[in-house]
PDB file of N, CA and C in Angstrom:
ATOM      1  N   UNK A   1      58.770 -74.457 -99.783  1.00  0.00           N
ATOM      2  CA  UNK A   1      59.349 -74.404 -98.302  1.00  0.00           C
ATOM      3  C   UNK A   1      58.763 -74.858 -97.111  1.00  0.00           C
ATOM      4  N   UNK A   2      59.901 -75.432 -96.165  1.00  0.00           N
ATOM      5  CA  UNK A   2      59.434 -76.209 -95.282  1.00  0.00           C
ATOM      6  C   UNK A   2      58.698 -75.622 -94.077  1.00  0.00           C
ATOM      7  N   UNK A   3      58.002 -76.287 -93.297  1.00  0.00           N
ATOM      8  CA  UNK A   3      57.157 -75.717 -92.180  1.00  0.00           C
ATOM      9  C   UNK A   3      58.048 -75.541 -90.798  1.00  0.00           C
ATOM     10  N   UNK A   4      58.200 -74.960 -90.171  1.00  0.00           N
ATOM     11  CA  UNK A   4      58.986 -74.566 -88.979  1.00  0.00           C
ATOM     12  C   UNK A   4      58.382 -75.511 -88.127  1.00  0.00           C
ATOM     13  N   UNK A   5      59.336 -76.537 -87.276  1.00  0.00           N
ATOM     14  CA  UNK A   5      58.743 -77.572 -86.509  1.00  0.00           C
ATOM     15  C   UNK A   5      59.561 -77.312 -84.959  1.00  0.00           C
ATOM     16  N   UNK A   6      60.330 -76.293 -84.763  1.00  0.00           N
ATOM     17  CA  UNK A   6      60.750 -76.092 -83.415  1.00  0.00           C
ATOM     18  C   UNK A   6      59.752 -75.848 -82.497  1.00  0.00           C
ATOM     19  N   UNK A   7      60.076 -76.319 -81.070  1.00  0.00           N
ATOM     20  CA  UNK A   7      59.241 -76.342 -79.980  1.00  0.00           C
ATOM     21  C   UNK A   7      59.140 -74.851 -79.404  1.00  0.00           C
ATOM     22  N   UNK A   8      60.330 -74.088 -79.623  1.00  0.00           N
ATOM     23  CA  UNK A   8      60.687 -72.994 -79.141  1.00  0.00           C
ATOM     24  C   UNK A   8      60.928 -71.810 -80.134  1.00  0.00           C
ATOM     25  N   UNK A   9      60.392 -70.437 -79.824  1.00  0.00           N
ATOM     26  CA  UNK A   9      60.640 -69.423 -81.164  1.00  0.00           C
ATOM     27  C   UNK A   9      62.435 -69.194 -81.059  1.00  0.00           C
ATOM     28  N   UNK A  10      62.877 -68.871 -81.923  1.00  0.00           N
ATOM     29  CA  UNK A  10      64.342 -68.462 -81.946  1.00  0.00           C
ATOM     30  C   UNK A  10      64.278 -67.202 -82.277  1.00  0.00           C
ATOM     31  N   UNK A  11      65.709 -66.430 -81.768  1.00  0.00           N
ATOM     32  CA  UNK A  11      65.899 -65.149 -81.877  1.00  0.00           C
ATOM     33  C   UNK A  11      67.347 -64.840 -82.508  1.00  0.00           C
ATOM     34  N   UNK A  12      67.618 -64.416 -83.692  1.00  0.00           N
ATOM     35  CA  UNK A  12      68.686 -64.009 -84.258  1.00  0.00           C
ATOM     36  C   UNK A  12      69.738 -63.218 -83.421  1.00  0.00           C
ATOM     37  N   UNK A  13      70.995 -63.617 -83.358  1.00  0.00           N
ATOM     38  CA  UNK A  13      71.831 -62.746 -82.357  1.00  0.00           C
ATOM     39  C   UNK A  13      72.281 -61.694 -83.312  1.00  0.00           C
ATOM     40  N   UNK A  14      72.039 -60.234 -83.068  1.00  0.00           N
ATOM     41  CA  UNK A  14      72.609 -59.375 -83.752  1.00  0.00           C
ATOM     42  C   UNK A  14      74.097 -59.043 -83.117  1.00  0.00           C
ATOM     43  N   UNK A  15      75.081 -58.721 -83.860  1.00  0.00           N
ATOM     44  CA  UNK A  15      76.498 -58.511 -83.403  1.00  0.00           C
ATOM     45  C   UNK A  15      77.308 -59.878 -83.120  1.00  0.00           C
ATOM     46  N   UNK A  16      78.415 -59.518 -82.834  1.00  0.00           N
ATOM     47  CA  UNK A  16      79.124 -60.683 -82.477  1.00  0.00           C
ATOM     48  C   UNK A  16      79.350 -61.032 -80.783  1.00  0.00           C
ATOM     49  N   UNK A  17      78.663 -62.127 -80.468  1.00  0.00           N
ATOM     50  CA  UNK A  17      78.699 -62.588 -79.081  1.00  0.00           C
ATOM     51  C   UNK A  17      79.360 -63.879 -79.071  1.00  0.00           C
ATOM     52  N   UNK A  18      80.367 -63.911 -78.273  1.00  0.00           N
ATOM     53  CA  UNK A  18      81.417 -65.049 -78.323  1.00  0.00           C
ATOM     54  C   UNK A  18      80.808 -66.003 -77.207  1.00  0.00           C
ATOM     55  N   UNK A  19      80.901 -67.216 -77.542  1.00  0.00           N
ATOM     56  CA  UNK A  19      80.512 -68.440 -76.522  1.00  0.00           C
ATOM     57  C   UNK A  19      81.948 -69.112 -76.108  1.00  0.00           C
ATOM     58  N   UNK A  20      82.034 -69.155 -74.702  1.00  0.00           N
ATOM     59  CA  UNK A  20      83.188 -69.605 -73.924  1.00  0.00           C
ATOM     60  C   UNK A  20      82.864 -70.677 -73.243  1.00  0.00           C
ATOM     61  N   UNK A  21      83.566 -71.842 -73.728  1.00  0.00           N
ATOM     62  CA  UNK A  21      83.742 -73.275 -73.110  1.00  0.00           C
ATOM     63  C   UNK A  21      84.446 -73.133 -71.665  1.00  0.00           C
ATOM     64  N   UNK A  22      83.524 -73.220 -70.759  1.00  0.00           N
ATOM     65  CA  UNK A  22      84.060 -73.158 -69.490  1.00  0.00           C
ATOM     66  C   UNK A  22      84.871 -74.197 -68.765  1.00  0.00           C
ATOM     67  N   UNK A  23      85.011 -75.373 -69.414  1.00  0.00           N
ATOM     68  CA  UNK A  23      85.780 -76.496 -69.136  1.00  0.00           C
ATOM     69  C   UNK A  23      87.077 -76.407 -69.615  1.00  0.00           C
ATOM     70  N   UNK A  24      87.076 -75.860 -71.340  1.00  0.00           N
ATOM     71  CA  UNK A  24      88.275 -76.101 -71.659  1.00  0.00           C
ATOM     72  C   UNK A  24      88.754 -74.687 -71.476  1.00  0.00           C
ATOM     73  N   UNK A  25      88.246 -73.775 -71.158  1.00  0.00           N
ATOM     74  CA  UNK A  25      88.738 -72.197 -70.873  1.00  0.00           C
ATOM     75  C   UNK A  25      89.049 -71.502 -72.281  1.00  0.00           C
ATOM     76  N   UNK A  26      88.253 -71.736 -73.204  1.00  0.00           N
ATOM     77  CA  UNK A  26      88.488 -70.976 -74.602  1.00  0.00           C
ATOM     78  C   UNK A  26      87.279 -70.750 -75.081  1.00  0.00           C
ATOM     79  N   UNK A  27      87.239 -69.603 -76.027  1.00  0.00           N
ATOM     80  CA  UNK A  27      86.279 -69.339 -76.849  1.00  0.00           C
ATOM     81  C   UNK A  27      86.197 -70.347 -78.142  1.00  0.00           C
ATOM     82  N   UNK A  28      84.856 -70.887 -78.322  1.00  0.00           N
ATOM     83  CA  UNK A  28      84.567 -71.812 -79.362  1.00  0.00           C
ATOM     84  C   UNK A  28      83.842 -71.374 -80.387  1.00  0.00           C
ATOM     85  N   UNK A  29      83.635 -70.301 -80.187  1.00  0.00           N
ATOM     86  CA  UNK A  29      82.694 -69.698 -81.640  1.00  0.00           C
ATOM     87  C   UNK A  29      81.780 -68.432 -81.101  1.00  0.00           C
ATOM     88  N   UNK A  30      80.681 -68.148 -82.142  1.00  0.00           N
ATOM     89  CA  UNK A  30      79.959 -67.013 -81.750  1.00  0.00           C
ATOM     90  C   UNK A  30      78.451 -67.593 -81.939  1.00  0.00           C
ATOM     91  N   UNK A  31      77.531 -66.802 -81.467  1.00  0.00           N
ATOM     92  CA  UNK A  31      76.192 -67.304 -81.120  1.00  0.00           C
ATOM     93  C   UNK A  31      75.604 -66.925 -82.879  1.00  0.00           C
ATOM     94  N   UNK A  32      74.661 -67.836 -83.386  1.00  0.00           N
ATOM     95  CA  UNK A  32      73.674 -67.393 -84.386  1.00  0.00           C
ATOM     96  C   UNK A  32      72.569 -66.989 -84.029  1.00  0.00           C
ATOM     97  N   UNK A  33      71.782 -68.009 -83.330  1.00  0.00           N
ATOM     98  CA  UNK A  33      70.721 -67.621 -82.886  1.00  0.00           C
ATOM     99  C   UNK A  33      70.409 -68.437 -81.367  1.00  0.00           C
ATOM    100  N   UNK A  34      69.378 -68.052 -80.636  1.00  0.00           N
ATOM    101  CA  UNK A  34      68.920 -68.843 -79.350  1.00  0.00           C
ATOM    102  C   UNK A  34      67.640 -68.994 -79.342  1.00  0.00           C
ATOM    103  N   UNK A  35      66.979 -70.020 -78.441  1.00  0.00           N
ATOM    104  CA  UNK A  35      65.805 -70.064 -78.346  1.00  0.00           C
ATOM    105  C   UNK A  35      65.708 -70.514 -77.011  1.00  0.00           C
ATOM    106  N   UNK A  36      64.673 -70.697 -76.145  1.00  0.00           N
ATOM    107  CA  UNK A  36      64.490 -71.333 -74.660  1.00  0.00           C
ATOM    108  C   UNK A  36      65.123 -72.590 -74.804  1.00  0.00           C
ATOM    109  N   UNK A  37      65.277 -73.308 -75.884  1.00  0.00           N
ATOM    110  CA  UNK A  37      65.748 -74.758 -75.942  1.00  0.00           C
ATOM    111  C   UNK A  37      67.134 -75.022 -76.418  1.00  0.00           C
ATOM    112  N   UNK A  38      67.646 -74.171 -76.984  1.00  0.00           N
ATOM    113  CA  UNK A  38      68.824 -74.303 -77.626  1.00  0.00           C
ATOM    114  C   UNK A  38      69.555 -73.180 -78.353  1.00  0.00           C
ATOM    115  N   UNK A  39      70.466 -73.673 -79.069  1.00  0.00           N
ATOM    116  CA  UNK A  39      71.172 -72.431 -79.748  1.00  0.00           C
ATOM    117  C   UNK A  39      72.000 -73.071 -81.165  1.00  0.00           C
ATOM    118  N   UNK A  40      72.146 -72.071 -81.894  1.00  0.00           N
ATOM    119  CA  UNK A  40      72.945 -72.391 -83.077  1.00  0.00           C
ATOM    120  C   UNK A  40      74.422 -71.590 -82.838  1.00  0.00           C
ATOM    121  N   UNK A  41      74.994 -72.433 -82.860  1.00  0.00           N
ATOM    122  CA  UNK A  41      76.708 -71.956 -82.729  1.00  0.00           C
ATOM    123  C   UNK A  41      77.521 -72.159 -84.039  1.00  0.00           C
ATOM    124  N   UNK A  42      78.109 -70.926 -84.412  1.00  0.00           N
ATOM    125  CA  UNK A  42      79.136 -70.639 -85.235  1.00  0.00           C
ATOM    126  C   UNK A  42      80.625 -71.062 -84.922  1.00  0.00           C
ATOM    127  N   UNK A  43      80.923 -72.381 -85.028  1.00  0.00           N
ATOM    128  CA  UNK A  43      81.937 -72.733 -84.217  1.00  0.00           C
ATOM    129  C   UNK A  43      83.303 -72.531 -85.301  1.00  0.00           C
ATOM    130  N   UNK A  44      84.209 -72.237 -84.499  1.00  0.00           N
ATOM    131  CA  UNK A  44      85.678 -72.086 -85.171  1.00  0.00           C
ATOM    132  C   UNK A  44      86.191 -73.292 -85.720  1.00  0.00           C
ATOM    133  N   UNK A  45      85.783 -74.675 -85.181  1.00  0.00           N
ATOM    134  CA  UNK A  45      86.449 -76.059 -85.545  1.00  0.00           C
ATOM    135  C   UNK A  45      85.141 -76.988 -85.261  1.00  0.00           C
ATOM    136  N   UNK A  46      85.081 -77.843 -86.088  1.00  0.00           N
ATOM    137  CA  UNK A  46      84.348 -78.887 -85.673  1.00  0.00           C
ATOM    138  C   UNK A  46      84.098 -79.480 -84.226  1.00  0.00           C
ATOM    139  N   UNK A  47      83.165 -79.781 -83.821  1.00  0.00           N
ATOM    140  CA  UNK A  47      82.851 -80.325 -82.309  1.00  0.00           C
ATOM    141  C   UNK A  47      82.560 -81.850 -82.277  1.00  0.00           C
ATOM    142  N   UNK A  48      83.182 -82.438 -81.215  1.00  0.00           N
ATOM    143  CA  UNK A  48      82.834 -83.951 -81.136  1.00  0.00           C
ATOM    144  C   UNK A  48      81.011 -83.985 -81.253  1.00  0.00           C
ATOM    145  N   UNK A  49      80.708 -85.245 -81.974  1.00  0.00           N
ATOM    146  CA  UNK A  49      79.426 -85.493 -82.223  1.00  0.00           C
ATOM    147  C   UNK A  49      79.017 -85.935 -80.983  1.00  0.00           C
ATOM    148  N   UNK A  50      77.487 -85.548 -80.673  1.00  0.00           N
ATOM    149  CA  UNK A  50      76.653 -85.877 -79.502  1.00  0.00           C
ATOM    150  C   UNK A  50      77.446 -85.601 -78.039  1.00  0.00           C
ATOM    151  N   UNK A  51      78.608 -84.454 -78.274  1.00  0.00           N
ATOM    152  CA  UNK A  51      79.338 -83.964 -77.072  1.00  0.00           C
ATOM    153  C   UNK A  51      78.456 -83.211 -76.233  1.00  0.00           C
ATOM    154  N   UNK A  52      78.857 -82.962 -74.766  1.00  0.00           N
ATOM    155  CA  UNK A  52      78.379 -82.155 -74.033  1.00  0.00           C
ATOM    156  C   UNK A  52      79.332 -81.065 -73.484  1.00  0.00           C
ATOM    157  N   UNK A  53      78.635 -79.795 -73.456  1.00  0.00           N
ATOM    158  CA  UNK A  53      79.488 -78.581 -73.053  1.00  0.00           C
ATOM    159  C   UNK A  53      78.897 -77.846 -72.034  1.00  0.00           C
ATOM    160  N   UNK A  54      79.928 -77.168 -71.212  1.00  0.00           N
ATOM    161  CA  UNK A  54      79.209 -76.058 -70.335  1.00  0.00           C
ATOM    162  C   UNK A  54      79.818 -74.744 -71.001  1.00  0.00           C
ATOM    163  N   UNK A  55      78.515 -73.579 -71.443  1.00  0.00           N
ATOM    164  CA  UNK A  55      79.134 -72.408 -72.097  1.00  0.00           C
ATOM    165  C   UNK A  55      78.703 -71.544 -71.381  1.00  0.00           C
ATOM    166  N   UNK A  56      79.050 -70.377 -71.606  1.00  0.00           N
ATOM    167  CA  UNK A  56      79.062 -68.968 -71.029  1.00  0.00           C
ATOM    168  C   UNK A  56      79.023 -67.855 -72.141  1.00  0.00           C
ATOM    169  N   UNK A  57      77.891 -67.195 -72.114  1.00  0.00           N
ATOM    170  CA  UNK A  57      77.790 -65.868 -73.108  1.00  0.00           C
ATOM    171  C   UNK A  57      77.044 -65.087 -72.566  1.00  0.00           C
ATOM    172  N   UNK A  58      76.969 -63.929 -73.208  1.00  0.00           N
ATOM    173  CA  UNK A  58      76.374 -62.573 -72.706  1.00  0.00           C
ATOM    174  C   UNK A  58      75.523 -61.773 -73.883  1.00  0.00           C
ATOM    175  N   UNK A  59      74.189 -61.941 -73.512  1.00  0.00           N
ATOM    176  CA  UNK A  59      73.318 -61.382 -74.684  1.00  0.00           C
ATOM    177  C   UNK A  59      73.067 -60.043 -74.232  1.00  0.00           C
ATOM    178  N   UNK A  60      72.454 -59.148 -75.093  1.00  0.00           N
ATOM    179  CA  UNK A  60      71.942 -57.873 -74.733  1.00  0.00           C
ATOM    180  C   UNK A  60      70.527 -57.573 -75.243  1.00  0.00           C
ATOM    181  N   UNK A  61      69.986 -56.674 -74.897  1.00  0.00           N
ATOM    182  CA  UNK A  61      68.606 -56.586 -75.305  1.00  0.00           C
ATOM    183  C   UNK A  61      68.495 -54.868 -75.763  1.00  0.00           C
ATOM    184  N   UNK A  62      68.304 -54.832 -76.958  1.00  0.00           N
ATOM    185  CA  UNK A  62      68.521 -53.452 -77.341  1.00  0.00           C
ATOM    186  C   UNK A  62      69.835 -52.599 -76.714  1.00  0.00           C
ATOM    187  N   UNK A  63      70.958 -53.288 -76.754  1.00  0.00           N
ATOM    188  CA  UNK A  63      72.141 -52.416 -76.327  1.00  0.00           C
ATOM    189  C   UNK A  63      72.258 -52.697 -74.932  1.00  0.00           C
ATOM    190  N   UNK A  64      71.321 -53.024 -74.037  1.00  0.00           N
ATOM    191  CA  UNK A  64      71.340 -52.965 -72.658  1.00  0.00           C
ATOM    192  C   UNK A  64      71.872 -54.424 -72.394  1.00  0.00           C
ATOM    193  N   UNK A  65      73.018 -54.486 -71.387  1.00  0.00           N
ATOM    194  CA  UNK A  65      73.628 -56.072 -71.309  1.00  0.00           C
ATOM    195  C   UNK A  65      72.619 -56.698 -70.316  1.00  0.00           C
ATOM    196  N   UNK A  66      72.445 -57.866 -70.543  1.00  0.00           N
ATOM    197  CA  UNK A  66      71.774 -59.028 -69.645  1.00  0.00           C
ATOM    198  C   UNK A  66      72.851 -59.783 -68.833  1.00  0.00           C
ATOM    199  N   UNK A  67      72.281 -60.313 -67.723  1.00  0.00           N
ATOM    200  CA  UNK A  67      73.069 -61.070 -67.029  1.00  0.00           C
ATOM    201  C   UNK A  67      73.705 -62.088 -67.819  1.00  0.00           C
ATOM    202  N   UNK A  68      75.127 -62.482 -67.496  1.00  0.00           N
ATOM    203  CA  UNK A  68      75.761 -63.611 -67.866  1.00  0.00           C
ATOM    204  C   UNK A  68      75.033 -64.799 -67.971  1.00  0.00           C
ATOM    205  N   UNK A  69      75.014 -65.566 -69.102  1.00  0.00           N
ATOM    206  CA  UNK A  69      74.150 -66.780 -69.342  1.00  0.00           C
ATOM    207  C   UNK A  69      75.189 -68.084 -69.064  1.00  0.00           C
ATOM    208  N   UNK A  70      74.753 -68.953 -68.411  1.00  0.00           N
ATOM    209  CA  UNK A  70      75.904 -70.263 -68.112  1.00  0.00           C
ATOM    210  C   UNK A  70      74.918 -71.213 -68.452  1.00  0.00           C
ATOM    211  N   UNK A  71      75.111 -72.070 -69.362  1.00  0.00           N
ATOM    212  CA  UNK A  71      74.293 -73.365 -69.838  1.00  0.00           C
ATOM    213  C   UNK A  71      74.977 -74.729 -70.030  1.00  0.00           C
ATOM    214  N   UNK A  72      74.583 -75.642 -69.955  1.00  0.00           N
ATOM    215  CA  UNK A  72      74.893 -76.885 -70.531  1.00  0.00           C
ATOM    216  C   UNK A  72      74.325 -76.930 -71.916  1.00  0.00           C
ATOM    217  N   UNK A  73      75.005 -77.721 -72.631  1.00  0.00           N
ATOM    218  CA  UNK A  73      74.606 -77.783 -74.148  1.00  0.00           C
ATOM    219  C   UNK A  73      75.166 -79.091 -74.757  1.00  0.00           C
ATOM    220  N   UNK A  74      74.121 -79.677 -75.534  1.00  0.00           N
ATOM    221  CA  UNK A  74      74.423 -80.859 -76.141  1.00  0.00           C
ATOM    222  C   UNK A  74      74.386 -80.785 -77.851  1.00  0.00           C
ATOM    223  N   UNK A  75      75.318 -81.447 -78.353  1.00  0.00           N
ATOM    224  CA  UNK A  75      75.481 -81.347 -79.755  1.00  0.00           C
ATOM    225  C   UNK A  75      74.487 -82.229 -80.474  1.00  0.00           C
ATOM    226  N   UNK A  76      73.719 -81.632 -81.300  1.00  0.00           N
ATOM    227  CA  UNK A  76      72.482 -82.507 -81.735  1.00  0.00           C
ATOM    228  C   UNK A  76      73.067 -82.702 -83.537  1.00  0.00           C
ATOM    229  N   UNK A  77      73.341 -81.749 -84.167  1.00  0.00           N
ATOM    230  CA  UNK A  77      73.985 -81.665 -85.359  1.00  0.00           C
ATOM    231  C   UNK A  77      75.158 -80.778 -85.656  1.00  0.00           C
ATOM    232  N   UNK A  78      75.809 -80.933 -87.031  1.00  0.00           N
ATOM    233  CA  UNK A  78      76.656 -79.948 -87.420  1.00  0.00           C
ATOM    234  C   UNK A  78      77.000 -79.774 -88.720  1.00  0.00           C
ATOM    235  N   UNK A  79      77.212 -78.770 -89.427  1.00  0.00           N
ATOM    236  CA  UNK A  79      77.436 -78.708 -91.043  1.00  0.00           C
ATOM    237  C   UNK A  79      78.387 -77.755 -91.177  1.00  0.00           C
ATOM    238  N   UNK A  80      79.358 -77.754 -92.171  1.00  0.00           N
ATOM    239  CA  UNK A  80      80.018 -76.773 -92.617  1.00  0.00           C
ATOM    240  C   UNK A  80      79.354 -75.419 -92.888  1.00  0.00           C
ATOM    241  N   UNK A  81      80.104 -74.400 -92.674  1.00  0.00           N
ATOM    242  CA  UNK A  81      79.563 -73.084 -92.693  1.00  0.00           C
ATOM    243  C   UNK A  81      80.354 -72.566 -94.113  1.00  0.00           C
ATOM    244  N   UNK A  82      79.607 -71.125 -94.618  1.00  0.00           N
ATOM    245  CA  UNK A  82      80.234 -70.639 -95.659  1.00  0.00           C
ATOM    246  C   UNK A  82      81.668 -70.341 -95.522  1.00  0.00           C
ATOM    247  N   UNK A  83      82.061 -69.804 -94.381  1.00  0.00           N
ATOM    248  CA  UNK A  83      83.354 -69.618 -94.149  1.00  0.00           C
ATOM    249  C   UNK A  83      84.402 -70.534 -93.932  1.00  0.00           C
ATOM    250  N   UNK A  84      85.755 -70.555 -94.619  1.00  0.00           N
ATOM    251  CA  UNK A  84      86.611 -71.557 -94.265  1.00  0.00           C
ATOM    252  C   UNK A  84      86.849 -71.924 -92.844  1.00  0.00           C
ATOM    253  N   UNK A  85      86.673 -73.162 -92.375  1.00  0.00           N
ATOM    254  CA  UNK A  85      87.117 -73.676 -91.267  1.00  0.00           C
ATOM    255  C   UNK A  85      86.065 -73.504 -90.133  1.00  0.00           C
ATOM    256  N   UNK A  86      84.868 -72.736 -90.630  1.00  0.00           N
ATOM    257  CA  UNK A  86      83.498 -72.429 -89.507  1.00  0.00           C
ATOM    258  C   UNK A  86      82.642 -73.688 -89.637  1.00  0.00           C
ATOM    259  N   UNK A  87      81.904 -73.923 -88.749  1.00  0.00           N
ATOM    260  CA  UNK A  87      80.876 -75.117 -88.735  1.00  0.00           C
ATOM    261  C   UNK A  87      79.808 -74.367 -87.957  1.00  0.00           C
ATOM    262  N   UNK A  88      78.481 -74.553 -88.665  1.00  0.00           N
ATOM    263  CA  UNK A  88      77.127 -74.555 -87.857  1.00  0.00           C
ATOM    264  C   UNK A  88      77.083 -75.572 -86.913  1.00  0.00           C
ATOM    265  N   UNK A  89      76.823 -75.451 -85.748  1.00  0.00           N
ATOM    266  CA  UNK A  89      76.433 -76.412 -84.746  1.00  0.00           C
ATOM    267  C   UNK A  89      75.181 -76.363 -84.021  1.00  0.00           C
ATOM    268  N   UNK A  90      74.251 -77.192 -84.296  1.00  0.00           N
ATOM    269  CA  UNK A  90      72.821 -77.273 -83.523  1.00  0.00           C
ATOM    270  C   UNK A  90      72.976 -77.597 -82.143  1.00  0.00           C
ATOM    271  N   UNK A  91      72.713 -77.217 -80.851  1.00  0.00           N
ATOM    272  CA  UNK A  91      72.818 -77.486 -79.565  1.00  0.00           C
ATOM    273  C   UNK A  91      71.492 -77.347 -78.919  1.00  0.00           C
ATOM    274  N   UNK A  92      71.141 -78.148 -77.898  1.00  0.00           N
ATOM    275  CA  UNK A  92      70.050 -77.979 -77.243  1.00  0.00           C
ATOM    276  C   UNK A  92      70.490 -77.961 -75.722  1.00  0.00           C
ATOM    277  N   UNK A  93      69.754 -76.993 -74.921  1.00  0.00           N
ATOM    278  CA  UNK A  93      70.448 -76.788 -73.606  1.00  0.00           C
ATOM    279  C   UNK A  93      69.571 -78.019 -72.643  1.00  0.00           C
ATOM    280  N   UNK A  94      70.562 -78.052 -71.660  1.00  0.00           N
ATOM    281  CA  UNK A  94      70.325 -79.315 -70.767  1.00  0.00           C
ATOM    282  C   UNK A  94      70.783 -78.662 -69.434  1.00  0.00           C
ATOM    283  N   UNK A  95      69.729 -79.128 -68.395  1.00  0.00           N
ATOM    284  CA  UNK A  95      69.970 -78.703 -66.969  1.00  0.00           C
ATOM    285  C   UNK A  95      69.967 -77.424 -66.790  1.00  0.00           C
ATOM    286  N   UNK A  96      69.148 -76.504 -67.278  1.00  0.00           N
ATOM    287  CA  UNK A  96      69.118 -75.025 -66.890  1.00  0.00           C
ATOM    288  C   UNK A  96      68.650 -74.695 -65.526  1.00  0.00           C
ATOM    289  N   UNK A  97      69.058 -73.727 -65.055  1.00  0.00           N
ATOM    290  CA  UNK A  97      68.613 -73.149 -63.838  1.00  0.00           C
ATOM    291  C   UNK A  97      67.351 -72.583 -64.125  1.00  0.00           C
ATOM    292  N   UNK A  98      66.506 -72.414 -63.346  1.00  0.00           N
ATOM    293  CA  UNK A  98      65.191 -71.894 -63.682  1.00  0.00           C
ATOM    294  C   UNK A  98      65.383 -70.324 -64.065  1.00  0.00           C
ATOM    295  N   UNK A  99      66.111 -69.599 -63.560  1.00  0.00           N
ATOM    296  CA  UNK A  99      66.292 -68.281 -63.530  1.00  0.00           C
ATOM    297  C   UNK A  99      66.945 -68.065 -65.205  1.00  0.00           C
ATOM    298  N   UNK A 100      67.798 -68.866 -65.274  1.00  0.00           N
ATOM    299  CA  UNK A 100      68.358 -68.947 -66.887  1.00  0.00           C
ATOM    300  C   UNK A 100      67.421 -69.139 -67.709  1.00  0.00           C
ATOM    301  N   UNK A 101      66.497 -70.513 -67.380  1.00  0.00           N
ATOM    302  CA  UNK A 101      65.730 -70.582 -68.545  1.00  0.00           C
ATOM    303  C   UNK A 101      64.470 -69.512 -68.802  1.00  0.00           C
ATOM    304  N   UNK A 102      64.162 -68.875 -67.625  1.00  0.00           N
ATOM    305  CA  UNK A 102      63.206 -67.672 -67.984  1.00  0.00           C
ATOM    306  C   UNK A 102      63.706 -66.890 -68.838  1.00  0.00           C
ATOM    307  N   UNK A 103      65.108 -66.126 -68.344  1.00  0.00           N
ATOM    308  CA  UNK A 103      65.920 -65.449 -69.226  1.00  0.00           C
ATOM    309  C   UNK A 103      65.912 -65.591 -70.675  1.00  0.00           C
ATOM    310  N   UNK A 104      66.225 -66.827 -70.874  1.00  0.00           N
ATOM    311  CA  UNK A 104      66.516 -67.157 -72.333  1.00  0.00           C
ATOM    312  C   UNK A 104      64.975 -67.335 -73.011  1.00  0.00           C
ATOM    313  N   UNK A 105      63.965 -67.726 -72.465  1.00  0.00           N
ATOM    314  CA  UNK A 105      62.678 -67.643 -73.252  1.00  0.00           C
ATOM    315  C   UNK A 105      62.296 -66.130 -73.164  1.00  0.00           C
ATOM    316  N   UNK A 106      62.289 -65.422 -72.283  1.00  0.00           N
ATOM    317  CA  UNK A 106      61.922 -63.788 -72.333  1.00  0.00           C
ATOM    318  C   UNK A 106      62.663 -63.009 -73.815  1.00  0.00           C
ATOM    319  N   UNK A 107      64.126 -63.636 -73.658  1.00  0.00           N
ATOM    320  CA  UNK A 107      64.659 -62.824 -74.569  1.00  0.00           C
ATOM    321  C   UNK A 107      64.457 -63.412 -75.815  1.00  0.00           C
ATOM    322  N   UNK A 108      64.321 -64.524 -76.049  1.00  0.00           N
ATOM    323  CA  UNK A 108      64.127 -65.427 -77.647  1.00  0.00           C
ATOM    324  C   UNK A 108      62.525 -65.072 -77.933  1.00  0.00           C
ATOM    325  N   UNK A 109      61.663 -64.800 -77.089  1.00  0.00           N
ATOM    326  CA  UNK A 109      60.097 -64.665 -77.490  1.00  0.00           C
ATOM    327  C   UNK A 109      59.918 -63.185 -77.625  1.00  0.00           C
ATOM    328  N   UNK A 110      60.831 -62.034 -77.338  1.00  0.00           N
ATOM    329  CA  UNK A 110      60.540 -60.671 -77.310  1.00  0.00           C
ATOM    330  C   UNK A 110      60.449 -60.223 -78.477  1.00  0.00           C
ATOM    331  N   UNK A 111      59.856 -59.425 -78.885  1.00  0.00           N
ATOM    332  CA  UNK A 111      59.909 -58.792 -80.382  1.00  0.00           C
ATOM    333  C   UNK A 111      60.953 -58.101 -80.722  1.00  0.00           C
ATOM    334  N   UNK A 112      61.481 -58.086 -81.918  1.00  0.00           N
ATOM    335  CA  UNK A 112      62.810 -57.636 -82.011  1.00  0.00           C
ATOM    336  C   UNK A 112      62.411 -56.222 -82.998  1.00  0.00           C
ATOM    337  N   UNK A 113      63.324 -55.108 -82.818  1.00  0.00           N
ATOM    338  CA  UNK A 113      63.175 -53.838 -83.370  1.00  0.00           C
ATOM    339  C   UNK A 113      63.839 -53.854 -84.614  1.00  0.00           C
ATOM    340  N   UNK A 114      63.368 -53.320 -85.739  1.00  0.00           N
ATOM    341  CA  UNK A 114      64.256 -53.215 -87.056  1.00  0.00           C
ATOM    342  C   UNK A 114      65.369 -52.268 -86.770  1.00  0.00           C
ATOM    343  N   UNK A 115      66.439 -52.521 -87.525  1.00  0.00           N
ATOM    344  CA  UNK A 115      67.300 -51.642 -87.038  1.00  0.00           C
ATOM    345  C   UNK A 115      67.258 -50.021 -87.621  1.00  0.00           C
ATOM    346  N   UNK A 116      67.936 -49.414 -86.890  1.00  0.00           N
ATOM    347  CA  UNK A 116      67.804 -47.694 -87.294  1.00  0.00           C
ATOM    348  C   UNK A 116      66.807 -46.817 -86.602  1.00  0.00           C
TER     349      UNK A 116
END
């Protein structure tokens, strides 16, 4: 098994959290996981390699909605997902506002509670 070498801890997203492309004005997929440095997008179609995006999504903390998150994101890699037409897309955040960076860091580093 490989050694985790990410700079930031990541947290899996529970439930369906849609990711909205604010430039194209359309939903591009759902969140897989999030860290202070980036996200895993489960996209409904492949994205252009090395592309930049402006996204909006809403996280929650134990069922409590958090403020809407708006981020710039850069495509680092992508691969076909298990479901037909879906793609995993690894992205890093760019140009985060300080309050957004703090919210993402606190959310991704918070301990998760087991379901039930």
